[in-house]
PDB file of N, CA and C in Angstrom:
ATOM      1  N   UNK A   1      73.269 -16.305 243.144  1.00  0.00           N
ATOM      2  CA  UNK A   1      72.538 -15.064 243.328  1.00  0.00           C
ATOM      3  C   UNK A   1      71.469 -14.965 242.241  1.00  0.00           C
ATOM      4  N   UNK A   2      70.280 -14.641 242.660  1.00  0.00           N
ATOM      5  CA  UNK A   2      69.191 -14.482 241.712  1.00  0.00           C
ATOM      6  C   UNK A   2      68.895 -13.011 241.504  1.00  0.00           C
ATOM      7  N   UNK A   3      68.590 -12.655 240.287  1.00  0.00           N
ATOM      8  CA  UNK A   3      68.297 -11.262 239.952  1.00  0.00           C
ATOM      9  C   UNK A   3      67.002 -10.811 240.620  1.00  0.00           C
ATOM     10  N   UNK A   4      66.128 -11.763 240.936  1.00  0.00           N
ATOM     11  CA  UNK A   4      64.851 -11.416 241.566  1.00  0.00           C
ATOM     12  C   UNK A   4      65.038 -10.871 242.982  1.00  0.00           C
ATOM     13  N   UNK A   5      66.104 -11.264 243.656  1.00  0.00           N
ATOM     14  CA  UNK A   5      66.355 -10.715 244.990  1.00  0.00           C
ATOM     15  C   UNK A   5      67.110  -9.394 244.929  1.00  0.00           C
ATOM     16  N   UNK A   6      67.788  -9.127 243.843  1.00  0.00           N
ATOM     17  CA  UNK A   6      68.556  -7.890 243.709  1.00  0.00           C
ATOM     18  C   UNK A   6      67.657  -6.703 243.353  1.00  0.00           C
ATOM     19  N   UNK A   7      66.669  -6.904 242.538  1.00  0.00           N
ATOM     20  CA  UNK A   7      65.802  -5.808 242.090  1.00  0.00           C
ATOM     21  C   UNK A   7      65.063  -5.135 243.249  1.00  0.00           C
ATOM     22  N   UNK A   8      64.408  -5.880 244.162  1.00  0.00           N
ATOM     23  CA  UNK A   8      63.745  -5.191 245.285  1.00  0.00           C
ATOM     24  C   UNK A   8      64.727  -4.428 246.175  1.00  0.00           C
ATOM     25  N   UNK A   9      65.916  -4.980 246.370  1.00  0.00           N
ATOM     26  CA  UNK A   9      66.905  -4.300 247.199  1.00  0.00           C
ATOM     27  C   UNK A   9      67.319  -2.973 246.578  1.00  0.00           C
ATOM     28  N   UNK A  10      67.494  -2.947 245.286  1.00  0.00           N
ATOM     29  CA  UNK A  10      67.867  -1.709 244.598  1.00  0.00           C
ATOM     30  C   UNK A  10      66.723  -0.700 244.657  1.00  0.00           C
ATOM     31  N   UNK A  11      65.505  -1.147 244.466  1.00  0.00           N
ATOM     32  CA  UNK A  11      64.358  -0.242 244.508  1.00  0.00           C
ATOM     33  C   UNK A  11      64.160   0.364 245.898  1.00  0.00           C
ATOM     34  N   UNK A  12      64.360  -0.437 246.937  1.00  0.00           N
ATOM     35  CA  UNK A  12      64.231   0.080 248.304  1.00  0.00           C
ATOM     36  C   UNK A  12      65.323   1.106 248.583  1.00  0.00           C
ATOM     37  N   UNK A  13      66.517   0.833 248.102  1.00  0.00           N
ATOM     38  CA  UNK A  13      67.625   1.772 248.301  1.00  0.00           C
ATOM     39  C   UNK A  13      67.356   3.098 247.615  1.00  0.00           C
ATOM     40  N   UNK A  14      66.871   3.051 246.397  1.00  0.00           N
ATOM     41  CA  UNK A  14      66.564   4.283 245.660  1.00  0.00           C
ATOM     42  C   UNK A  14      65.446   5.056 246.359  1.00  0.00           C
ATOM     43  N   UNK A  15      64.426   4.353 246.828  1.00  0.00           N
ATOM     44  CA  UNK A  15      63.315   5.024 247.505  1.00  0.00           C
ATOM     45  C   UNK A  15      63.769   5.669 248.810  1.00  0.00           C
ATOM     46  N   UNK A  16      64.591   4.970 249.574  1.00  0.00           N
ATOM     47  CA  UNK A  16      65.070   5.522 250.841  1.00  0.00           C
ATOM     48  C   UNK A  16      65.989   6.714 250.616  1.00  0.00           C
ATOM     49  N   UNK A  17      66.802   6.647 249.595  1.00  0.00           N
ATOM     50  CA  UNK A  17      67.699   7.751 249.294  1.00  0.00           C
ATOM     51  C   UNK A  17      66.913   8.977 248.848  1.00  0.00           C
ATOM     52  N   UNK A  18      65.841   8.776 248.116  1.00  0.00           N
ATOM     53  CA  UNK A  18      65.024   9.896 247.661  1.00  0.00           C
ATOM     54  C   UNK A  18      64.290  10.597 248.785  1.00  0.00           C
ATOM     55  N   UNK A  19      64.073   9.907 249.903  1.00  0.00           N
ATOM     56  CA  UNK A  19      63.364  10.502 251.031  1.00  0.00           C
ATOM     57  C   UNK A  19      64.269  11.369 251.902  1.00  0.00           C
ATOM     58  N   UNK A  20      65.543  11.224 251.759  1.00  0.00           N
ATOM     59  CA  UNK A  20      66.475  11.977 252.608  1.00  0.00           C
ATOM     60  C   UNK A  20      66.507  13.445 252.192  1.00  0.00           C
ATOM     61  N   UNK A  21      66.646  14.315 253.166  1.00  0.00           N
ATOM     62  CA  UNK A  21      66.785  15.742 252.903  1.00  0.00           C
ATOM     63  C   UNK A  21      68.276  16.058 252.844  1.00  0.00           C
ATOM     64  N   UNK A  22      68.798  16.087 251.645  1.00  0.00           N
ATOM     65  CA  UNK A  22      70.244  16.266 251.460  1.00  0.00           C
ATOM     66  C   UNK A  22      70.685  17.701 251.714  1.00  0.00           C
ATOM     67  N   UNK A  23      69.791  18.664 251.626  1.00  0.00           N
ATOM     68  CA  UNK A  23      70.188  20.063 251.736  1.00  0.00           C
ATOM     69  C   UNK A  23      70.737  20.417 253.112  1.00  0.00           C
ATOM     70  N   UNK A  24      70.162  19.851 254.156  1.00  0.00           N
ATOM     71  CA  UNK A  24      70.562  20.206 255.513  1.00  0.00           C
ATOM     72  C   UNK A  24      71.545  19.223 256.127  1.00  0.00           C
ATOM     73  N   UNK A  25      72.070  18.297 255.338  1.00  0.00           N
ATOM     74  CA  UNK A  25      72.970  17.282 255.868  1.00  0.00           C
ATOM     75  C   UNK A  25      74.429  17.658 255.619  1.00  0.00           C
ATOM     76  N   UNK A  26      75.270  17.293 256.584  1.00  0.00           N
ATOM     77  CA  UNK A  26      76.700  17.523 256.412  1.00  0.00           C
ATOM     78  C   UNK A  26      77.281  16.455 255.502  1.00  0.00           C
ATOM     79  N   UNK A  27      78.505  16.656 255.097  1.00  0.00           N
ATOM     80  CA  UNK A  27      79.184  15.680 254.249  1.00  0.00           C
ATOM     81  C   UNK A  27      79.305  14.335 254.958  1.00  0.00           C
ATOM     82  N   UNK A  28      79.553  14.378 256.238  1.00  0.00           N
ATOM     83  CA  UNK A  28      79.687  13.148 257.021  1.00  0.00           C
ATOM     84  C   UNK A  28      78.374  12.380 257.082  1.00  0.00           C
ATOM     85  N   UNK A  29      77.274  13.089 257.269  1.00  0.00           N
ATOM     86  CA  UNK A  29      75.956  12.441 257.309  1.00  0.00           C
ATOM     87  C   UNK A  29      75.584  11.848 255.959  1.00  0.00           C
ATOM     88  N   UNK A  30      75.888  12.569 254.899  1.00  0.00           N
ATOM     89  CA  UNK A  30      75.614  12.043 253.551  1.00  0.00           C
ATOM     90  C   UNK A  30      76.411  10.781 253.284  1.00  0.00           C
ATOM     91  N   UNK A  31      77.666  10.771 253.707  1.00  0.00           N
ATOM     92  CA  UNK A  31      78.503   9.590 253.520  1.00  0.00           C
ATOM     93  C   UNK A  31      77.967   8.403 254.317  1.00  0.00           C
ATOM     94  N   UNK A  32      77.468   8.653 255.528  1.00  0.00           N
ATOM     95  CA  UNK A  32      76.914   7.580 256.352  1.00  0.00           C
ATOM     96  C   UNK A  32      75.652   6.987 255.718  1.00  0.00           C
ATOM     97  N   UNK A  33      74.788   7.836 255.200  1.00  0.00           N
ATOM     98  CA  UNK A  33      73.563   7.358 254.555  1.00  0.00           C
ATOM     99  C   UNK A  33      73.891   6.552 253.305  1.00  0.00           C
ATOM    100  N   UNK A  34      74.812   7.058 252.514  1.00  0.00           N
ATOM    101  CA  UNK A  34      75.209   6.351 251.295  1.00  0.00           C
ATOM    102  C   UNK A  34      75.855   5.015 251.638  1.00  0.00           C
ATOM    103  N   UNK A  35      76.711   5.003 252.649  1.00  0.00           N
ATOM    104  CA  UNK A  35      77.345   3.756 253.067  1.00  0.00           C
ATOM    105  C   UNK A  35      76.339   2.743 253.566  1.00  0.00           C
ATOM    106  N   UNK A  36      75.343   3.205 254.311  1.00  0.00           N
ATOM    107  CA  UNK A  36      74.305   2.300 254.810  1.00  0.00           C
ATOM    108  C   UNK A  36      73.491   1.712 253.663  1.00  0.00           C
ATOM    109  N   UNK A  37      73.187   2.527 252.674  1.00  0.00           N
ATOM    110  CA  UNK A  37      72.421   2.035 251.525  1.00  0.00           C
ATOM    111  C   UNK A  37      73.214   0.997 250.743  1.00  0.00           C
ATOM    112  N   UNK A  38      74.470   1.299 250.468  1.00  0.00           N
ATOM    113  CA  UNK A  38      75.308   0.356 249.718  1.00  0.00           C
ATOM    114  C   UNK A  38      75.534  -0.917 250.533  1.00  0.00           C
ATOM    115  N   UNK A  39      75.785  -0.764 251.828  1.00  0.00           N
ATOM    116  CA  UNK A  39      75.979  -1.930 252.679  1.00  0.00           C
ATOM    117  C   UNK A  39      74.737  -2.792 252.792  1.00  0.00           C
ATOM    118  N   UNK A  40      73.575  -2.166 252.852  1.00  0.00           N
ATOM    119  CA  UNK A  40      72.329  -2.925 252.909  1.00  0.00           C
ATOM    120  C   UNK A  40      72.082  -3.733 251.653  1.00  0.00           C
ATOM    121  N   UNK A  41      72.350  -3.134 250.510  1.00  0.00           N
ATOM    122  CA  UNK A  41      72.188  -3.857 249.241  1.00  0.00           C
ATOM    123  C   UNK A  41      73.207  -4.986 249.156  1.00  0.00           C
ATOM    124  N   UNK A  42      74.452  -4.702 249.528  1.00  0.00           N
ATOM    125  CA  UNK A  42      75.483  -5.744 249.484  1.00  0.00           C
ATOM    126  C   UNK A  42      75.144  -6.896 250.426  1.00  0.00           C
ATOM    127  N   UNK A  43      74.673  -6.568 251.626  1.00  0.00           N
ATOM    128  CA  UNK A  43      74.294  -7.605 252.573  1.00  0.00           C
ATOM    129  C   UNK A  43      73.127  -8.441 252.074  1.00  0.00           C
ATOM    130  N   UNK A  44      72.166  -7.794 251.413  1.00  0.00           N
ATOM    131  CA  UNK A  44      71.022  -8.526 250.865  1.00  0.00           C
ATOM    132  C   UNK A  44      71.452  -9.451 249.738  1.00  0.00           C
ATOM    133  N   UNK A  45      72.362  -8.984 248.916  1.00  0.00           N
ATOM    134  CA  UNK A  45      72.830  -9.808 247.798  1.00  0.00           C
ATOM    135  C   UNK A  45      73.640 -10.994 248.305  1.00  0.00           C
ATOM    136  N   UNK A  46      74.528 -10.739 249.255  1.00  0.00           N
ATOM    137  CA  UNK A  46      75.391 -11.810 249.759  1.00  0.00           C
ATOM    138  C   UNK A  46      74.590 -12.885 250.477  1.00  0.00           C
ATOM    139  N   UNK A  47      73.583 -12.490 251.261  1.00  0.00           N
ATOM    140  CA  UNK A  47      72.796 -13.466 252.021  1.00  0.00           C
ATOM    141  C   UNK A  47      71.524 -13.888 251.297  1.00  0.00           C
ATOM    142  N   UNK A  48      71.407 -13.538 250.035  1.00  0.00           N
ATOM    143  CA  UNK A  48      70.242 -13.894 249.216  1.00  0.00           C
ATOM    144  C   UNK A  48      68.940 -13.386 249.831  1.00  0.00           C
ATOM    145  N   UNK A  49      68.963 -12.126 250.281  1.00  0.00           N
ATOM    146  CA  UNK A  49      67.771 -11.479 250.801  1.00  0.00           C
ATOM    147  C   UNK A  49      67.521 -11.698 252.272  1.00  0.00           C
ATOM    148  N   UNK A  50      68.500 -12.215 253.001  1.00  0.00           N
ATOM    149  CA  UNK A  50      68.335 -12.444 254.437  1.00  0.00           C
ATOM    150  C   UNK A  50      68.251 -11.131 255.203  1.00  0.00           C
ATOM    151  N   UNK A  51      67.362 -11.101 256.183  1.00  0.00           N
ATOM    152  CA  UNK A  51      67.157  -9.881 256.962  1.00  0.00           C
ATOM    153  C   UNK A  51      68.400  -9.537 257.770  1.00  0.00           C
ATOM    154  N   UNK A  52      68.986 -10.514 258.415  1.00  0.00           N
ATOM    155  CA  UNK A  52      70.164 -10.269 259.233  1.00  0.00           C
ATOM    156  C   UNK A  52      71.330  -9.744 258.390  1.00  0.00           C
ATOM    157  N   UNK A  53      71.525 -10.306 257.217  1.00  0.00           N
ATOM    158  CA  UNK A  53      72.583  -9.840 256.331  1.00  0.00           C
ATOM    159  C   UNK A  53      72.332  -8.428 255.825  1.00  0.00           C
ATOM    160  N   UNK A  54      71.078  -8.105 255.538  1.00  0.00           N
ATOM    161  CA  UNK A  54      70.728  -6.772 255.056  1.00  0.00           C
ATOM    162  C   UNK A  54      70.943  -5.724 256.144  1.00  0.00           C
ATOM    163  N   UNK A  55      70.458  -6.003 257.337  1.00  0.00           N
ATOM    164  CA  UNK A  55      70.606  -5.059 258.446  1.00  0.00           C
ATOM    165  C   UNK A  55      72.072  -4.942 258.857  1.00  0.00           C
ATOM    166  N   UNK A  56      72.762  -6.067 258.917  1.00  0.00           N
ATOM    167  CA  UNK A  56      74.178  -6.039 259.267  1.00  0.00           C
ATOM    168  C   UNK A  56      74.998  -5.275 258.248  1.00  0.00           C
ATOM    169  N   UNK A  57      74.713  -5.490 256.969  1.00  0.00           N
ATOM    170  CA  UNK A  57      75.411  -4.761 255.917  1.00  0.00           C
ATOM    171  C   UNK A  57      75.148  -3.271 255.984  1.00  0.00           C
ATOM    172  N   UNK A  58      73.909  -2.906 256.280  1.00  0.00           N
ATOM    173  CA  UNK A  58      73.578  -1.483 256.404  1.00  0.00           C
ATOM    174  C   UNK A  58      74.294  -0.851 257.593  1.00  0.00           C
ATOM    175  N   UNK A  59      74.366  -1.574 258.699  1.00  0.00           N
ATOM    176  CA  UNK A  59      75.041  -1.039 259.883  1.00  0.00           C
ATOM    177  C   UNK A  59      76.539  -0.863 259.632  1.00  0.00           C
ATOM    178  N   UNK A  60      77.153  -1.869 259.066  1.00  0.00           N
ATOM    179  CA  UNK A  60      78.590  -1.785 258.788  1.00  0.00           C
ATOM    180  C   UNK A  60      78.870  -0.712 257.741  1.00  0.00           C
ATOM    181  N   UNK A  61      78.044  -0.658 256.697  1.00  0.00           N
ATOM    182  CA  UNK A  61      78.221   0.368 255.669  1.00  0.00           C
ATOM    183  C   UNK A  61      78.035   1.768 256.211  1.00  0.00           C
ATOM    184  N   UNK A  62      77.103   1.940 257.134  1.00  0.00           N
ATOM    185  CA  UNK A  62      76.885   3.255 257.741  1.00  0.00           C
ATOM    186  C   UNK A  62      78.080   3.707 258.564  1.00  0.00           C
ATOM    187  N   UNK A  63      78.665   2.788 259.313  1.00  0.00           N
ATOM    188  CA  UNK A  63      79.850   3.127 260.116  1.00  0.00           C
ATOM    189  C   UNK A  63      81.028   3.476 259.208  1.00  0.00           C
ATOM    190  N   UNK A  64      81.234   2.675 258.165  1.00  0.00           N
ATOM    191  CA  UNK A  64      82.337   2.956 257.242  1.00  0.00           C
ATOM    192  C   UNK A  64      82.117   4.291 256.534  1.00  0.00           C
ATOM    193  N   UNK A  65      80.898   4.543 256.082  1.00  0.00           N
ATOM    194  CA  UNK A  65      80.595   5.812 255.430  1.00  0.00           C
ATOM    195  C   UNK A  65      80.799   7.002 256.353  1.00  0.00           C
ATOM    196  N   UNK A  66      80.437   6.831 257.622  1.00  0.00           N
ATOM    197  CA  UNK A  66      80.635   7.900 258.600  1.00  0.00           C
ATOM    198  C   UNK A  66      82.114   8.201 258.776  1.00  0.00           C
ATOM    199  N   UNK A  67      82.940   7.190 258.842  1.00  0.00           N
ATOM    200  CA  UNK A  67      84.380   7.396 259.020  1.00  0.00           C
ATOM    201  C   UNK A  67      85.027   8.000 257.781  1.00  0.00           C
ATOM    202  N   UNK A  68      84.556   7.596 256.609  1.00  0.00           N
ATOM    203  CA  UNK A  68      85.092   8.178 255.372  1.00  0.00           C
ATOM    204  C   UNK A  68      84.673   9.642 255.262  1.00  0.00           C
ATOM    205  N   UNK A  69      83.430   9.956 255.611  1.00  0.00           N
ATOM    206  CA  UNK A  69      82.936  11.331 255.544  1.00  0.00           C
ATOM    207  C   UNK A  69      83.588  12.254 256.543  1.00  0.00           C
ATOM    208  N   UNK A  70      84.129  11.703 257.607  1.00  0.00           N
ATOM    209  CA  UNK A  70      84.780  12.513 258.630  1.00  0.00           C
ATOM    210  C   UNK A  70      86.044  13.171 258.092  1.00  0.00           C
ATOM    211  N   UNK A  71      86.667  12.547 257.115  1.00  0.00           N
ATOM    212  CA  UNK A  71      87.928  13.044 256.587  1.00  0.00           C
ATOM    213  C   UNK A  71      87.755  14.102 255.510  1.00  0.00           C
ATOM    214  N   UNK A  72      86.519  14.373 255.094  1.00  0.00           N
ATOM    215  CA  UNK A  72      86.273  15.360 254.040  1.00  0.00           C
ATOM    216  C   UNK A  72      86.214  16.746 254.607  1.00  0.00           C
TER     217      UNK A  72
END
C-alpha cells in the first residue's frame, strides 16, 4: 500500500462528508453515509486505488451502515 493512494481517498471522503446536510438526516441516513465513506476508503486502500474496489467498498459500507443505523 502506498501513502500516495491513501491521501486522495481521505481528501475525497472529507469533501463528500462536508457537502452532506446533516441537520435534516435521520440517524439511519447518517450511518449509511458514514458507512459508504469508510467503505469507499477501505476499498480504495485494499485495491490500491481501483475504481471497482472503491465503488464496491462504498456500496457494501453503505448497506452495513444503513443496517447499523436502523437499530438506533
